[in-house]
Amino acid sequence: MSVKKHVLLIIIMSISACSSDSISNFTVSTNIDISLKDAYNNDLLNPANENSFKNRDIKIYQEIDGEKIEAIEINRINMEKGNFILTYPHDFFIYQHENDYRIRVFLHSNPASGKYGATYINWGGIEEDTIKYFIARTKSSIVATEIQYNGFLLPENEVKILLKIFTE
């Protein structure tokens, strides 16, 4: 699939909440959900679409200490150290929402104190998008704020919808 240009229209970030035994109502919101369409409104994440992006081709990179590292490598090192085991070690998954498919991308939730984090989505070598954000921490939450998608500052709403259009 040859992709030269894309148009950013609307942005989706879902709010996810987690609770722990020691703190009730602890909120973690450090992910963004994206719907991808081509110029003809074909869903580019639907596995039934022969031109869709495949799981195996998508790579997520996190910027850590100024270095861009593939998410699976970061998570492999953390698992070897016994720190944690992730359900989605590639830092994304594709799921169906009503009549379309979306990709949920997990942002690195621990950038250096007072610094912006950066997550990169490589769409199979064709194109790469950049998500920059600030992680706000309180006693009851960890939330990505001031989110920029390819330099476009997203509104600070609870629910953000991203529809990315690829044109040939």
N, C-alpha and C. Protein backbone atom coordinates (compact mmCIF):
# COMPACT_ATOMS: atom_id res chain seq x y z
N MET A 1 0.85 -1.16 0.00
CA MET A 1 0.00 0.00 0.00
C MET A 1 0.90 1.23 0.00
N SER A 2 0.72 2.08 -0.98
CA SER A 2 1.53 3.29 -1.10
C SER A 2 0.79 4.46 -0.47
N VAL A 3 1.36 5.04 0.51
CA VAL A 3 0.73 6.16 1.20
C VAL A 3 1.67 7.34 1.16
N LYS A 4 1.20 8.44 0.60
CA LYS A 4 2.05 9.62 0.49
C LYS A 4 1.64 10.69 1.48
N LYS A 5 0.36 10.78 1.75
CA LYS A 5 -0.12 11.92 2.50
C LYS A 5 -1.26 11.49 3.41
N HIS A 6 -1.44 12.14 4.49
CA HIS A 6 -2.58 11.86 5.35
C HIS A 6 -3.17 13.16 5.87
N VAL A 7 -4.41 13.07 6.24
CA VAL A 7 -5.12 14.23 6.77
C VAL A 7 -5.65 13.86 8.15
N LEU A 8 -5.32 14.65 9.12
CA LEU A 8 -5.81 14.42 10.47
C LEU A 8 -7.14 15.15 10.62
N LEU A 9 -8.19 14.41 10.97
CA LEU A 9 -9.50 15.03 11.09
C LEU A 9 -9.96 15.18 12.53
N ILE A 10 -10.22 14.08 13.17
CA ILE A 10 -10.77 14.14 14.52
C ILE A 10 -9.95 13.20 15.40
N ILE A 11 -9.87 13.42 16.65
CA ILE A 11 -9.03 12.58 17.50
C ILE A 11 -9.84 11.83 18.56
N ILE A 12 -9.39 10.50 18.81
CA ILE A 12 -10.07 9.67 19.83
C ILE A 12 -9.08 9.21 20.87
N MET A 13 -9.30 9.55 22.03
CA MET A 13 -8.51 8.94 23.11
C MET A 13 -9.50 8.41 24.11
N SER A 14 -9.39 7.16 24.41
CA SER A 14 -10.35 6.59 25.35
C SER A 14 -9.82 6.70 26.76
N ILE A 15 -10.73 6.80 27.64
CA ILE A 15 -10.39 6.88 29.05
C ILE A 15 -10.45 5.46 29.61
N SER A 16 -9.37 5.05 30.22
CA SER A 16 -9.38 3.73 30.84
C SER A 16 -9.15 3.91 32.33
N ALA A 17 -9.86 3.16 33.09
CA ALA A 17 -9.73 3.28 34.54
C ALA A 17 -9.29 1.95 35.12
N CYS A 18 -8.39 2.02 36.06
CA CYS A 18 -7.93 0.83 36.76
C CYS A 18 -8.11 1.09 38.25
N SER A 19 -8.36 0.05 38.99
CA SER A 19 -8.41 0.22 40.43
C SER A 19 -7.50 -0.80 41.08
N SER A 20 -6.94 -0.42 42.19
CA SER A 20 -6.09 -1.36 42.93
C SER A 20 -6.74 -1.63 44.27
N ASP A 21 -6.24 -2.62 44.97
CA ASP A 21 -6.81 -2.97 46.26
C ASP A 21 -6.60 -1.88 47.30
N SER A 22 -5.46 -1.18 47.22
CA SER A 22 -5.14 -0.19 48.24
C SER A 22 -5.76 1.18 47.96
N ILE A 23 -6.00 1.49 46.70
CA ILE A 23 -6.58 2.79 46.38
C ILE A 23 -7.78 2.54 45.48
N SER A 24 -8.95 2.94 45.95
CA SER A 24 -10.13 2.76 45.10
C SER A 24 -10.24 3.95 44.16
N ASN A 25 -10.81 3.71 42.99
CA ASN A 25 -11.01 4.74 41.98
C ASN A 25 -9.72 5.38 41.49
N PHE A 26 -8.69 4.59 41.33
CA PHE A 26 -7.44 5.08 40.76
C PHE A 26 -7.58 5.06 39.24
N THR A 27 -7.34 6.18 38.59
CA THR A 27 -7.52 6.30 37.15
C THR A 27 -6.18 6.33 36.43
N VAL A 28 -6.08 5.50 35.39
CA VAL A 28 -4.92 5.53 34.50
C VAL A 28 -5.45 5.80 33.11
N SER A 29 -5.04 6.89 32.51
CA SER A 29 -5.48 7.25 31.17
C SER A 29 -4.25 7.64 30.36
N THR A 30 -3.57 6.63 29.84
CA THR A 30 -2.33 6.88 29.09
C THR A 30 -2.36 6.12 27.77
N ASN A 31 -3.50 6.16 27.11
CA ASN A 31 -3.60 5.52 25.80
C ASN A 31 -4.39 6.41 24.85
N ILE A 32 -4.24 6.11 23.57
CA ILE A 32 -4.99 6.83 22.54
C ILE A 32 -5.54 5.79 21.57
N ASP A 33 -6.77 5.97 21.14
CA ASP A 33 -7.42 5.08 20.19
C ASP A 33 -7.53 5.79 18.85
N ILE A 34 -7.20 5.07 17.78
CA ILE A 34 -7.16 5.68 16.46
C ILE A 34 -7.93 4.82 15.47
N SER A 35 -8.75 5.44 14.65
CA SER A 35 -9.45 4.79 13.55
C SER A 35 -8.78 5.24 12.26
N LEU A 36 -8.48 4.30 11.36
CA LEU A 36 -7.79 4.62 10.11
C LEU A 36 -8.68 4.33 8.91
N LYS A 37 -8.79 5.27 8.01
CA LYS A 37 -9.58 5.12 6.79
C LYS A 37 -8.76 5.60 5.60
N ASP A 38 -9.08 5.05 4.42
CA ASP A 38 -8.46 5.59 3.22
C ASP A 38 -9.40 6.64 2.63
N ALA A 39 -9.05 7.21 1.51
CA ALA A 39 -9.84 8.28 0.90
C ALA A 39 -11.23 7.80 0.47
N TYR A 40 -11.41 6.48 0.37
CA TYR A 40 -12.70 5.91 -0.04
C TYR A 40 -13.49 5.37 1.16
N ASN A 41 -13.07 5.73 2.35
CA ASN A 41 -13.70 5.34 3.61
C ASN A 41 -13.54 3.85 3.92
N ASN A 42 -12.55 3.19 3.32
CA ASN A 42 -12.26 1.79 3.66
C ASN A 42 -11.50 1.75 4.98
N ASP A 43 -11.89 0.84 5.84
CA ASP A 43 -11.27 0.69 7.15
C ASP A 43 -9.91 0.01 7.00
N LEU A 44 -8.85 0.74 7.30
CA LEU A 44 -7.48 0.23 7.12
C LEU A 44 -6.99 -0.61 8.29
N LEU A 45 -7.86 -0.86 9.28
CA LEU A 45 -7.52 -1.76 10.38
C LEU A 45 -8.36 -3.04 10.35
N ASN A 46 -9.33 -3.10 9.47
CA ASN A 46 -10.19 -4.27 9.37
C ASN A 46 -9.40 -5.39 8.69
N PRO A 47 -9.18 -6.52 9.38
CA PRO A 47 -8.39 -7.61 8.79
C PRO A 47 -9.03 -8.21 7.53
N ALA A 48 -10.32 -8.00 7.32
CA ALA A 48 -10.98 -8.50 6.11
C ALA A 48 -10.63 -7.65 4.89
N ASN A 49 -10.12 -6.45 5.11
CA ASN A 49 -9.71 -5.56 4.02
C ASN A 49 -8.28 -5.95 3.60
N GLU A 50 -8.11 -6.36 2.35
CA GLU A 50 -6.78 -6.82 1.91
C GLU A 50 -5.72 -5.72 1.97
N ASN A 51 -6.12 -4.45 1.96
CA ASN A 51 -5.17 -3.34 2.04
C ASN A 51 -4.98 -2.82 3.47
N SER A 52 -5.49 -3.54 4.45
CA SER A 52 -5.39 -3.07 5.83
C SER A 52 -3.97 -3.22 6.37
N PHE A 53 -3.68 -2.44 7.40
CA PHE A 53 -2.42 -2.58 8.11
C PHE A 53 -2.51 -3.84 8.96
N LYS A 54 -1.47 -4.63 8.95
CA LYS A 54 -1.45 -5.88 9.69
C LYS A 54 -0.73 -5.70 11.02
N ASN A 55 -1.20 -6.42 12.04
CA ASN A 55 -0.56 -6.37 13.36
C ASN A 55 0.95 -6.53 13.27
N ARG A 56 1.38 -7.50 12.48
CA ARG A 56 2.82 -7.83 12.39
C ARG A 56 3.66 -6.69 11.80
N ASP A 57 3.02 -5.78 11.07
CA ASP A 57 3.76 -4.69 10.41
C ASP A 57 3.83 -3.42 11.24
N ILE A 58 2.93 -3.26 12.19
CA ILE A 58 2.88 -2.04 13.00
C ILE A 58 3.89 -2.15 14.13
N LYS A 59 4.66 -1.09 14.32
CA LYS A 59 5.66 -1.05 15.40
C LYS A 59 5.46 0.23 16.20
N ILE A 60 5.52 0.09 17.52
CA ILE A 60 5.42 1.23 18.43
C ILE A 60 6.81 1.44 19.05
N TYR A 61 7.24 2.68 19.05
CA TYR A 61 8.51 3.06 19.66
C TYR A 61 8.23 4.07 20.76
N GLN A 62 8.95 3.96 21.86
CA GLN A 62 8.86 4.91 22.96
C GLN A 62 10.19 5.64 23.06
N GLU A 63 10.14 6.94 23.34
CA GLU A 63 11.37 7.70 23.53
C GLU A 63 11.72 7.66 25.02
N ILE A 64 12.91 7.12 25.31
CA ILE A 64 13.38 7.02 26.69
C ILE A 64 14.77 7.62 26.75
N ASP A 65 14.94 8.62 27.60
CA ASP A 65 16.23 9.32 27.74
C ASP A 65 16.77 9.75 26.39
N GLY A 66 15.89 10.27 25.53
CA GLY A 66 16.30 10.78 24.22
C GLY A 66 16.54 9.72 23.17
N GLU A 67 16.37 8.44 23.53
CA GLU A 67 16.59 7.35 22.58
C GLU A 67 15.26 6.71 22.21
N LYS A 68 15.06 6.46 20.92
CA LYS A 68 13.84 5.83 20.41
C LYS A 68 14.04 4.31 20.43
N ILE A 69 13.23 3.62 21.25
CA ILE A 69 13.38 2.19 21.45
C ILE A 69 12.04 1.51 21.16
N GLU A 70 12.10 0.38 20.43
CA GLU A 70 10.87 -0.34 20.12
C GLU A 70 10.24 -0.86 21.42
N ALA A 71 8.93 -0.72 21.53
CA ALA A 71 8.21 -1.07 22.75
C ALA A 71 8.44 -2.51 23.17
N ILE A 72 8.43 -3.43 22.23
CA ILE A 72 8.61 -4.84 22.58
C ILE A 72 9.95 -5.08 23.26
N GLU A 73 10.98 -4.33 22.87
CA GLU A 73 12.31 -4.46 23.48
C GLU A 73 12.30 -3.93 24.92
N ILE A 74 11.67 -2.79 25.14
CA ILE A 74 11.55 -2.23 26.48
C ILE A 74 10.83 -3.22 27.39
N ASN A 75 9.74 -3.78 26.90
CA ASN A 75 8.94 -4.68 27.71
C ASN A 75 9.63 -6.03 27.93
N ARG A 76 10.43 -6.49 26.96
CA ARG A 76 11.20 -7.73 27.13
C ARG A 76 12.21 -7.56 28.26
N ILE A 77 12.90 -6.42 28.27
CA ILE A 77 13.90 -6.15 29.32
C ILE A 77 13.21 -6.09 30.69
N ASN A 78 12.07 -5.41 30.77
CA ASN A 78 11.35 -5.31 32.04
C ASN A 78 10.86 -6.67 32.52
N MET A 79 10.41 -7.53 31.59
CA MET A 79 9.96 -8.86 31.99
C MET A 79 11.13 -9.70 32.48
N GLU A 80 12.30 -9.57 31.83
CA GLU A 80 13.49 -10.31 32.27
C GLU A 80 13.92 -9.90 33.67
N LYS A 81 13.72 -8.62 34.00
CA LYS A 81 14.06 -8.12 35.33
C LYS A 81 13.00 -8.51 36.36
N GLY A 82 11.89 -9.07 35.87
CA GLY A 82 10.81 -9.47 36.78
C GLY A 82 9.95 -8.32 37.22
N ASN A 83 10.04 -7.18 36.53
CA ASN A 83 9.27 -6.00 36.93
C ASN A 83 7.78 -6.17 36.72
N PHE A 84 7.37 -6.64 35.56
CA PHE A 84 5.96 -6.83 35.26
C PHE A 84 5.82 -7.60 33.97
N ILE A 85 4.63 -8.13 33.77
CA ILE A 85 4.30 -8.80 32.52
C ILE A 85 3.08 -8.09 31.95
N LEU A 86 3.19 -7.63 30.72
CA LEU A 86 2.11 -6.89 30.09
C LEU A 86 1.22 -7.78 29.24
N THR A 87 -0.04 -7.43 29.20
CA THR A 87 -0.97 -8.12 28.32
C THR A 87 -0.65 -7.79 26.86
N TYR A 88 -0.22 -6.55 26.60
CA TYR A 88 0.08 -6.10 25.24
C TYR A 88 1.51 -5.58 25.19
N PRO A 89 2.50 -6.48 25.10
CA PRO A 89 3.90 -6.06 25.16
C PRO A 89 4.36 -5.22 23.97
N HIS A 90 3.59 -5.20 22.88
CA HIS A 90 3.94 -4.35 21.73
C HIS A 90 3.38 -2.94 21.90
N ASP A 91 2.71 -2.68 23.03
CA ASP A 91 2.11 -1.39 23.37
C ASP A 91 0.97 -0.98 22.44
N PHE A 92 0.29 -1.94 21.82
CA PHE A 92 -0.91 -1.65 21.05
C PHE A 92 -1.73 -2.91 20.86
N PHE A 93 -2.99 -2.73 20.52
CA PHE A 93 -3.82 -3.82 20.02
C PHE A 93 -4.91 -3.23 19.14
N ILE A 94 -5.41 -4.05 18.24
CA ILE A 94 -6.48 -3.63 17.33
C ILE A 94 -7.76 -4.33 17.78
N TYR A 95 -8.85 -3.57 17.82
CA TYR A 95 -10.12 -4.13 18.26
C TYR A 95 -11.26 -3.56 17.43
N GLN A 96 -12.39 -4.26 17.44
CA GLN A 96 -13.56 -3.80 16.71
C GLN A 96 -14.44 -2.97 17.64
N HIS A 97 -14.85 -1.81 17.15
CA HIS A 97 -15.77 -0.94 17.87
C HIS A 97 -16.95 -0.66 16.94
N GLU A 98 -18.10 -1.19 17.28
CA GLU A 98 -19.29 -1.09 16.43
C GLU A 98 -18.95 -1.55 15.02
N ASN A 99 -19.02 -0.67 14.03
CA ASN A 99 -18.79 -1.09 12.64
C ASN A 99 -17.39 -0.83 12.12
N ASP A 100 -16.49 -0.37 12.98
CA ASP A 100 -15.13 -0.15 12.50
C ASP A 100 -14.10 -0.71 13.48
N TYR A 101 -12.86 -0.71 13.04
CA TYR A 101 -11.76 -1.20 13.85
C TYR A 101 -10.93 -0.02 14.32
N ARG A 102 -10.34 -0.18 15.50
CA ARG A 102 -9.48 0.87 16.06
C ARG A 102 -8.20 0.23 16.58
N ILE A 103 -7.18 1.05 16.66
CA ILE A 103 -5.94 0.63 17.29
C ILE A 103 -5.80 1.42 18.58
N ARG A 104 -5.55 0.72 19.68
CA ARG A 104 -5.28 1.38 20.95
C ARG A 104 -3.78 1.35 21.16
N VAL A 105 -3.20 2.53 21.32
CA VAL A 105 -1.76 2.68 21.52
C VAL A 105 -1.53 3.15 22.95
N PHE A 106 -0.64 2.43 23.66
CA PHE A 106 -0.32 2.78 25.03
C PHE A 106 0.91 3.69 25.04
N LEU A 107 0.77 4.84 25.68
CA LEU A 107 1.85 5.81 25.77
C LEU A 107 2.76 5.45 26.95
N HIS A 108 4.03 5.77 26.83
CA HIS A 108 4.98 5.50 27.92
C HIS A 108 4.59 6.38 29.10
N SER A 109 4.26 5.77 30.22
CA SER A 109 3.71 6.54 31.34
C SER A 109 4.75 7.04 32.32
N ASN A 110 6.03 6.92 31.97
CA ASN A 110 7.06 7.36 32.92
C ASN A 110 8.18 8.16 32.26
N PRO A 111 7.84 9.23 31.51
CA PRO A 111 8.92 10.04 30.97
C PRO A 111 9.64 10.76 32.10
N ALA A 112 10.81 11.27 31.84
CA ALA A 112 11.58 11.99 32.86
C ALA A 112 10.72 13.08 33.48
N SER A 113 10.88 13.28 34.77
CA SER A 113 10.08 14.25 35.51
C SER A 113 10.13 15.63 34.84
N GLY A 114 8.94 16.20 34.61
CA GLY A 114 8.85 17.52 34.04
C GLY A 114 9.10 17.57 32.54
N LYS A 115 9.26 16.42 31.89
CA LYS A 115 9.53 16.39 30.45
C LYS A 115 8.35 15.76 29.72
N TYR A 116 8.27 16.09 28.45
CA TYR A 116 7.25 15.49 27.60
C TYR A 116 7.69 14.11 27.15
N GLY A 117 6.74 13.19 27.04
CA GLY A 117 7.01 11.87 26.51
C GLY A 117 6.74 11.88 25.01
N ALA A 118 7.27 10.87 24.33
CA ALA A 118 7.03 10.73 22.90
C ALA A 118 6.85 9.26 22.57
N THR A 119 5.82 8.99 21.79
CA THR A 119 5.53 7.65 21.29
C THR A 119 5.42 7.77 19.78
N TYR A 120 5.98 6.80 19.07
CA TYR A 120 5.98 6.82 17.61
C TYR A 120 5.26 5.57 17.10
N ILE A 121 4.43 5.75 16.09
CA ILE A 121 3.74 4.64 15.45
C ILE A 121 4.30 4.50 14.05
N ASN A 122 4.91 3.36 13.78
CA ASN A 122 5.39 3.07 12.43
C ASN A 122 4.36 2.15 11.79
N TRP A 123 3.79 2.60 10.69
CA TRP A 123 2.72 1.86 10.01
C TRP A 123 3.30 0.89 8.98
N GLY A 124 4.27 0.11 9.36
CA GLY A 124 4.82 -0.90 8.47
C GLY A 124 5.85 -0.35 7.50
N GLY A 125 6.60 0.65 7.92
CA GLY A 125 7.65 1.21 7.08
C GLY A 125 7.17 2.26 6.11
N ILE A 126 5.87 2.46 6.02
CA ILE A 126 5.32 3.40 5.06
C ILE A 126 5.36 4.83 5.61
N GLU A 127 4.98 4.96 6.82
CA GLU A 127 4.85 6.29 7.41
C GLU A 127 4.95 6.16 8.91
N GLU A 128 5.38 7.21 9.57
CA GLU A 128 5.48 7.20 11.02
C GLU A 128 4.80 8.43 11.59
N ASP A 129 4.02 8.23 12.63
CA ASP A 129 3.35 9.32 13.32
C ASP A 129 3.96 9.50 14.69
N THR A 130 3.89 10.74 15.20
CA THR A 130 4.46 11.07 16.49
C THR A 130 3.37 11.57 17.43
N ILE A 131 3.37 11.01 18.63
CA ILE A 131 2.46 11.47 19.68
C ILE A 131 3.34 12.00 20.81
N LYS A 132 3.16 13.26 21.15
CA LYS A 132 3.89 13.86 22.28
C LYS A 132 2.86 14.21 23.35
N TYR A 133 3.28 14.11 24.62
CA TYR A 133 2.34 14.26 25.71
C TYR A 133 3.09 14.54 27.01
N PHE A 134 2.33 15.00 27.99
CA PHE A 134 2.84 15.21 29.34
C PHE A 134 2.05 14.28 30.26
N ILE A 135 2.73 13.64 31.19
CA ILE A 135 2.05 12.76 32.14
C ILE A 135 1.81 13.53 33.44
N ALA A 136 0.54 13.70 33.79
CA ALA A 136 0.16 14.36 35.04
C ALA A 136 -0.14 13.28 36.08
N ARG A 137 0.46 13.41 37.25
CA ARG A 137 0.28 12.41 38.31
C ARG A 137 -0.33 13.08 39.55
N THR A 138 -1.31 12.39 40.12
CA THR A 138 -1.86 12.79 41.41
C THR A 138 -1.91 11.54 42.28
N LYS A 139 -2.43 11.67 43.49
CA LYS A 139 -2.56 10.50 44.36
C LYS A 139 -3.54 9.49 43.79
N SER A 140 -4.45 9.94 42.94
CA SER A 140 -5.49 9.03 42.44
C SER A 140 -5.48 8.85 40.92
N SER A 141 -4.44 9.39 40.24
CA SER A 141 -4.47 9.23 38.77
C SER A 141 -3.10 9.40 38.12
N ILE A 142 -3.01 8.82 36.94
CA ILE A 142 -1.90 9.03 36.01
C ILE A 142 -2.58 9.28 34.67
N VAL A 143 -2.44 10.50 34.15
CA VAL A 143 -3.19 10.89 32.96
C VAL A 143 -2.27 11.58 31.96
N ALA A 144 -2.38 11.18 30.69
CA ALA A 144 -1.67 11.86 29.61
C ALA A 144 -2.43 13.14 29.28
N THR A 145 -1.74 14.27 29.30
CA THR A 145 -2.35 15.56 28.99
C THR A 145 -1.51 16.25 27.92
N GLU A 146 -1.99 17.39 27.46
CA GLU A 146 -1.28 18.19 26.45
C GLU A 146 -0.81 17.31 25.29
N ILE A 147 -1.69 16.46 24.82
CA ILE A 147 -1.36 15.48 23.79
C ILE A 147 -1.30 16.16 22.42
N GLN A 148 -0.22 15.89 21.71
CA GLN A 148 -0.04 16.38 20.34
C GLN A 148 0.10 15.17 19.42
N TYR A 149 -0.64 15.18 18.32
CA TYR A 149 -0.54 14.13 17.32
C TYR A 149 0.03 14.77 16.06
N ASN A 150 1.25 14.40 15.70
CA ASN A 150 1.95 15.00 14.56
C ASN A 150 1.94 16.53 14.65
N GLY A 151 2.16 17.05 15.86
CA GLY A 151 2.24 18.49 16.07
C GLY A 151 0.91 19.17 16.29
N PHE A 152 -0.20 18.46 16.15
CA PHE A 152 -1.53 19.02 16.33
C PHE A 152 -1.96 18.80 17.77
N LEU A 153 -2.16 19.88 18.53
CA LEU A 153 -2.56 19.79 19.93
C LEU A 153 -4.02 19.36 20.02
N LEU A 154 -4.26 18.25 20.72
CA LEU A 154 -5.62 17.74 20.85
C LEU A 154 -6.35 18.51 21.95
N PRO A 155 -7.67 18.66 21.80
CA PRO A 155 -8.44 19.34 22.84
C PRO A 155 -8.38 18.56 24.15
N GLU A 156 -8.46 19.26 25.25
CA GLU A 156 -8.40 18.63 26.57
C GLU A 156 -9.80 18.20 27.00
N ASN A 157 -10.38 17.26 26.27
CA ASN A 157 -11.68 16.70 26.62
C ASN A 157 -11.49 15.33 27.23
N GLU A 158 -12.53 14.81 27.85
CA GLU A 158 -12.43 13.46 28.41
C GLU A 158 -12.37 12.40 27.32
N VAL A 159 -13.09 12.63 26.23
CA VAL A 159 -13.09 11.67 25.13
C VAL A 159 -12.64 12.38 23.87
N LYS A 160 -11.63 11.83 23.23
CA LYS A 160 -11.11 12.42 22.00
C LYS A 160 -11.18 11.36 20.91
N ILE A 161 -11.56 11.75 19.73
CA ILE A 161 -11.70 10.81 18.63
C ILE A 161 -10.72 11.18 17.53
N LEU A 162 -9.94 10.19 17.12
CA LEU A 162 -8.99 10.41 16.04
C LEU A 162 -9.40 9.57 14.84
N LEU A 163 -9.65 10.23 13.76
CA LEU A 163 -9.87 9.56 12.49
C LEU A 163 -8.78 10.05 11.57
N LYS A 164 -7.92 9.15 11.16
CA LYS A 164 -6.81 9.50 10.29
C LYS A 164 -7.14 9.00 8.90
N ILE A 165 -7.07 9.90 7.91
CA ILE A 165 -7.35 9.54 6.54
C ILE A 165 -6.05 9.44 5.77
N PHE A 166 -5.82 8.31 5.14
CA PHE A 166 -4.66 8.13 4.27
C PHE A 166 -5.11 8.35 2.83
N THR A 167 -4.36 9.16 2.09
CA THR A 167 -4.65 9.33 0.67
C THR A 167 -3.42 8.89 -0.12
N GLU A 168 -3.66 8.38 -1.30
CA GLU A 168 -2.56 7.87 -2.13
C GLU A 168 -1.96 8.97 -2.97
